[in-house]
Amino acid sequence: MKEISLLDNSLRVRVYYECEDCDYEDNICISFVEECPEDEKIFLAGETNIYLTPDQAKELAMALVHAANASMGLA
């Protein structure tokens, strides 16, 4: 599991392979956990999970790398 803290540590993003769901195609989880006052929340729930297929996860990763490279003047 990889965890990244964003927004002054009020939002934790966890990315992991959900081995219990290995029978499903969308078994890669992006979990958003918010620990902040209700009026500052982005999501309705304290924890929101999005499940991706391996191809979707790779596409998202490539889009993030492309945006980061563009931001750094590398694209």
N, C-alpha and C. Protein backbone atom coordinates (compact mmCIF):
# COMPACT_ATOMS: atom_id res chain seq x y z
N MET A 1 0.84 -1.18 0.00
CA MET A 1 0.00 0.00 0.00
C MET A 1 0.88 1.24 0.00
N LYS A 2 0.49 2.19 -0.80
CA LYS A 2 1.17 3.49 -0.85
C LYS A 2 0.18 4.52 -0.33
N GLU A 3 0.62 5.38 0.59
CA GLU A 3 -0.24 6.43 1.13
C GLU A 3 0.42 7.78 0.92
N ILE A 4 -0.37 8.74 0.44
CA ILE A 4 0.10 10.09 0.18
C ILE A 4 -0.80 11.05 0.94
N SER A 5 -0.21 12.01 1.64
CA SER A 5 -0.98 13.03 2.35
C SER A 5 -1.04 14.29 1.50
N LEU A 6 -2.25 14.85 1.37
CA LEU A 6 -2.47 16.06 0.59
C LEU A 6 -3.22 17.09 1.42
N LEU A 7 -3.30 18.30 0.92
CA LEU A 7 -4.10 19.38 1.52
C LEU A 7 -3.79 19.56 3.00
N ASP A 8 -2.52 19.85 3.28
CA ASP A 8 -2.07 20.07 4.66
C ASP A 8 -2.39 18.87 5.56
N ASN A 9 -2.24 17.68 5.02
CA ASN A 9 -2.46 16.41 5.72
C ASN A 9 -3.91 16.15 6.11
N SER A 10 -4.86 16.88 5.55
CA SER A 10 -6.27 16.62 5.87
C SER A 10 -6.88 15.57 4.95
N LEU A 11 -6.18 15.22 3.87
CA LEU A 11 -6.65 14.20 2.94
C LEU A 11 -5.54 13.18 2.73
N ARG A 12 -5.85 11.93 3.04
CA ARG A 12 -4.91 10.84 2.78
C ARG A 12 -5.42 10.03 1.60
N VAL A 13 -4.53 9.76 0.67
CA VAL A 13 -4.86 8.95 -0.50
C VAL A 13 -4.06 7.66 -0.41
N ARG A 14 -4.77 6.56 -0.38
CA ARG A 14 -4.12 5.24 -0.33
C ARG A 14 -4.39 4.53 -1.64
N VAL A 15 -3.35 3.90 -2.18
CA VAL A 15 -3.48 3.14 -3.42
C VAL A 15 -2.96 1.73 -3.15
N TYR A 16 -3.80 0.74 -3.46
CA TYR A 16 -3.37 -0.63 -3.20
C TYR A 16 -4.16 -1.63 -4.04
N TYR A 17 -3.58 -2.80 -4.19
CA TYR A 17 -4.22 -3.94 -4.84
C TYR A 17 -5.06 -4.65 -3.79
N GLU A 18 -6.33 -4.83 -4.06
CA GLU A 18 -7.25 -5.49 -3.13
C GLU A 18 -7.25 -6.98 -3.43
N CYS A 19 -6.37 -7.72 -2.75
CA CYS A 19 -6.21 -9.15 -3.05
C CYS A 19 -7.47 -9.96 -2.76
N GLU A 20 -8.31 -9.49 -1.84
CA GLU A 20 -9.57 -10.20 -1.56
C GLU A 20 -10.53 -10.11 -2.74
N ASP A 21 -10.34 -9.14 -3.62
CA ASP A 21 -11.19 -8.97 -4.79
C ASP A 21 -10.50 -9.42 -6.06
N CYS A 22 -9.57 -10.37 -5.94
CA CYS A 22 -8.78 -10.78 -7.11
C CYS A 22 -9.65 -11.40 -8.21
N ASP A 23 -10.86 -11.84 -7.87
CA ASP A 23 -11.74 -12.40 -8.89
C ASP A 23 -12.41 -11.32 -9.74
N TYR A 24 -12.32 -10.08 -9.30
CA TYR A 24 -12.91 -8.97 -10.03
C TYR A 24 -11.85 -8.28 -10.87
N GLU A 25 -12.28 -7.73 -11.99
CA GLU A 25 -11.34 -7.03 -12.87
C GLU A 25 -10.86 -5.72 -12.25
N ASP A 26 -11.77 -5.04 -11.52
CA ASP A 26 -11.41 -3.75 -10.91
C ASP A 26 -11.00 -3.97 -9.45
N ASN A 27 -9.76 -4.43 -9.27
CA ASN A 27 -9.29 -4.79 -7.93
C ASN A 27 -8.16 -3.90 -7.43
N ILE A 28 -8.00 -2.75 -8.04
CA ILE A 28 -7.02 -1.77 -7.56
C ILE A 28 -7.82 -0.63 -6.93
N CYS A 29 -7.54 -0.35 -5.67
CA CYS A 29 -8.32 0.61 -4.91
C CYS A 29 -7.57 1.92 -4.70
N ILE A 30 -8.28 3.02 -4.94
CA ILE A 30 -7.81 4.34 -4.53
C ILE A 30 -8.77 4.76 -3.43
N SER A 31 -8.23 4.92 -2.24
CA SER A 31 -9.04 5.26 -1.07
C SER A 31 -8.72 6.67 -0.61
N PHE A 32 -9.74 7.50 -0.48
CA PHE A 32 -9.59 8.87 -0.02
C PHE A 32 -10.14 8.95 1.40
N VAL A 33 -9.30 9.33 2.36
CA VAL A 33 -9.71 9.45 3.75
C VAL A 33 -9.51 10.89 4.19
N GLU A 34 -10.61 11.52 4.61
CA GLU A 34 -10.54 12.92 5.03
C GLU A 34 -10.64 13.04 6.54
N GLU A 35 -9.77 13.83 7.10
CA GLU A 35 -9.79 14.11 8.53
C GLU A 35 -9.73 15.63 8.69
N CYS A 36 -10.89 16.26 8.56
CA CYS A 36 -10.99 17.70 8.66
C CYS A 36 -12.42 18.06 9.05
N PRO A 37 -12.66 19.33 9.41
CA PRO A 37 -14.03 19.74 9.74
C PRO A 37 -14.98 19.50 8.56
N GLU A 38 -16.24 19.23 8.87
CA GLU A 38 -17.24 18.92 7.85
C GLU A 38 -17.32 19.97 6.75
N ASP A 39 -17.22 21.25 7.11
CA ASP A 39 -17.37 22.32 6.12
C ASP A 39 -16.16 22.45 5.19
N GLU A 40 -15.09 21.70 5.47
CA GLU A 40 -13.90 21.72 4.61
C GLU A 40 -13.78 20.47 3.74
N LYS A 41 -14.68 19.50 3.93
CA LYS A 41 -14.58 18.22 3.22
C LYS A 41 -14.87 18.36 1.73
N ILE A 42 -14.17 17.58 0.96
CA ILE A 42 -14.37 17.50 -0.49
C ILE A 42 -15.40 16.41 -0.79
N PHE A 43 -15.32 15.29 -0.07
CA PHE A 43 -16.21 14.16 -0.27
C PHE A 43 -17.30 14.16 0.80
N LEU A 44 -18.42 13.51 0.53
CA LEU A 44 -19.51 13.44 1.49
C LEU A 44 -19.17 12.52 2.66
N ALA A 45 -18.51 11.42 2.38
CA ALA A 45 -18.17 10.45 3.42
C ALA A 45 -16.76 10.70 3.93
N GLY A 46 -16.46 10.18 5.10
CA GLY A 46 -15.11 10.29 5.65
C GLY A 46 -14.11 9.48 4.86
N GLU A 47 -14.60 8.43 4.20
CA GLU A 47 -13.75 7.58 3.36
C GLU A 47 -14.49 7.25 2.08
N THR A 48 -13.83 7.45 0.94
CA THR A 48 -14.41 7.16 -0.36
C THR A 48 -13.43 6.28 -1.12
N ASN A 49 -13.94 5.16 -1.66
CA ASN A 49 -13.09 4.22 -2.40
C ASN A 49 -13.51 4.17 -3.86
N ILE A 50 -12.52 4.16 -4.73
CA ILE A 50 -12.75 4.01 -6.16
C ILE A 50 -11.93 2.80 -6.61
N TYR A 51 -12.56 1.89 -7.32
CA TYR A 51 -11.88 0.68 -7.79
C TYR A 51 -11.63 0.77 -9.28
N LEU A 52 -10.41 0.45 -9.68
CA LEU A 52 -9.97 0.53 -11.06
C LEU A 52 -9.49 -0.81 -11.58
N THR A 53 -9.57 -0.97 -12.89
CA THR A 53 -8.94 -2.12 -13.53
C THR A 53 -7.44 -1.80 -13.67
N PRO A 54 -6.61 -2.81 -13.90
CA PRO A 54 -5.19 -2.53 -14.11
C PRO A 54 -4.95 -1.54 -15.26
N ASP A 55 -5.70 -1.67 -16.35
CA ASP A 55 -5.52 -0.74 -17.48
C ASP A 55 -5.90 0.68 -17.09
N GLN A 56 -6.99 0.84 -16.33
CA GLN A 56 -7.39 2.17 -15.87
C GLN A 56 -6.34 2.76 -14.92
N ALA A 57 -5.79 1.93 -14.04
CA ALA A 57 -4.77 2.40 -13.10
C ALA A 57 -3.53 2.87 -13.86
N LYS A 58 -3.12 2.12 -14.88
CA LYS A 58 -1.97 2.53 -15.69
C LYS A 58 -2.25 3.82 -16.44
N GLU A 59 -3.46 3.96 -16.97
CA GLU A 59 -3.83 5.18 -17.70
C GLU A 59 -3.82 6.39 -16.76
N LEU A 60 -4.34 6.22 -15.54
CA LEU A 60 -4.31 7.31 -14.56
C LEU A 60 -2.87 7.66 -14.18
N ALA A 61 -2.06 6.64 -13.96
CA ALA A 61 -0.66 6.89 -13.60
C ALA A 61 0.07 7.64 -14.71
N MET A 62 -0.15 7.24 -15.96
CA MET A 62 0.48 7.91 -17.09
C MET A 62 0.00 9.36 -17.21
N ALA A 63 -1.28 9.60 -16.96
CA ALA A 63 -1.81 10.97 -17.03
C ALA A 63 -1.17 11.84 -15.95
N LEU A 64 -0.98 11.30 -14.76
CA LEU A 64 -0.33 12.04 -13.68
C LEU A 64 1.13 12.34 -14.02
N VAL A 65 1.84 11.37 -14.56
CA VAL A 65 3.24 11.57 -14.95
C VAL A 65 3.32 12.62 -16.05
N HIS A 66 2.42 12.55 -17.02
CA HIS A 66 2.41 13.53 -18.10
C HIS A 66 2.18 14.95 -17.56
N ALA A 67 1.20 15.10 -16.67
CA ALA A 67 0.92 16.42 -16.08
C ALA A 67 2.10 16.92 -15.24
N ALA A 68 2.72 16.02 -14.49
CA ALA A 68 3.88 16.41 -13.68
C ALA A 68 5.04 16.85 -14.57
N ASN A 69 5.28 16.11 -15.63
CA ASN A 69 6.34 16.49 -16.57
C ASN A 69 6.05 17.84 -17.22
N ALA A 70 4.81 18.07 -17.61
CA ALA A 70 4.43 19.35 -18.22
C ALA A 70 4.65 20.49 -17.22
N SER A 71 4.29 20.25 -15.96
CA SER A 71 4.47 21.26 -14.93
C SER A 71 5.94 21.61 -14.71
N MET A 72 6.80 20.62 -14.92
CA MET A 72 8.23 20.81 -14.71
C MET A 72 8.93 21.25 -16.01
N GLY A 73 8.15 21.47 -17.06
CA GLY A 73 8.73 21.90 -18.33
C GLY A 73 9.42 20.78 -19.07
N LEU A 74 9.06 19.54 -18.78
CA LEU A 74 9.72 18.39 -19.41
C LEU A 74 8.92 17.79 -20.57
N ALA A 75 7.73 18.30 -20.78
CA ALA A 75 6.90 17.72 -21.85
C ALA A 75 6.81 18.64 -23.05
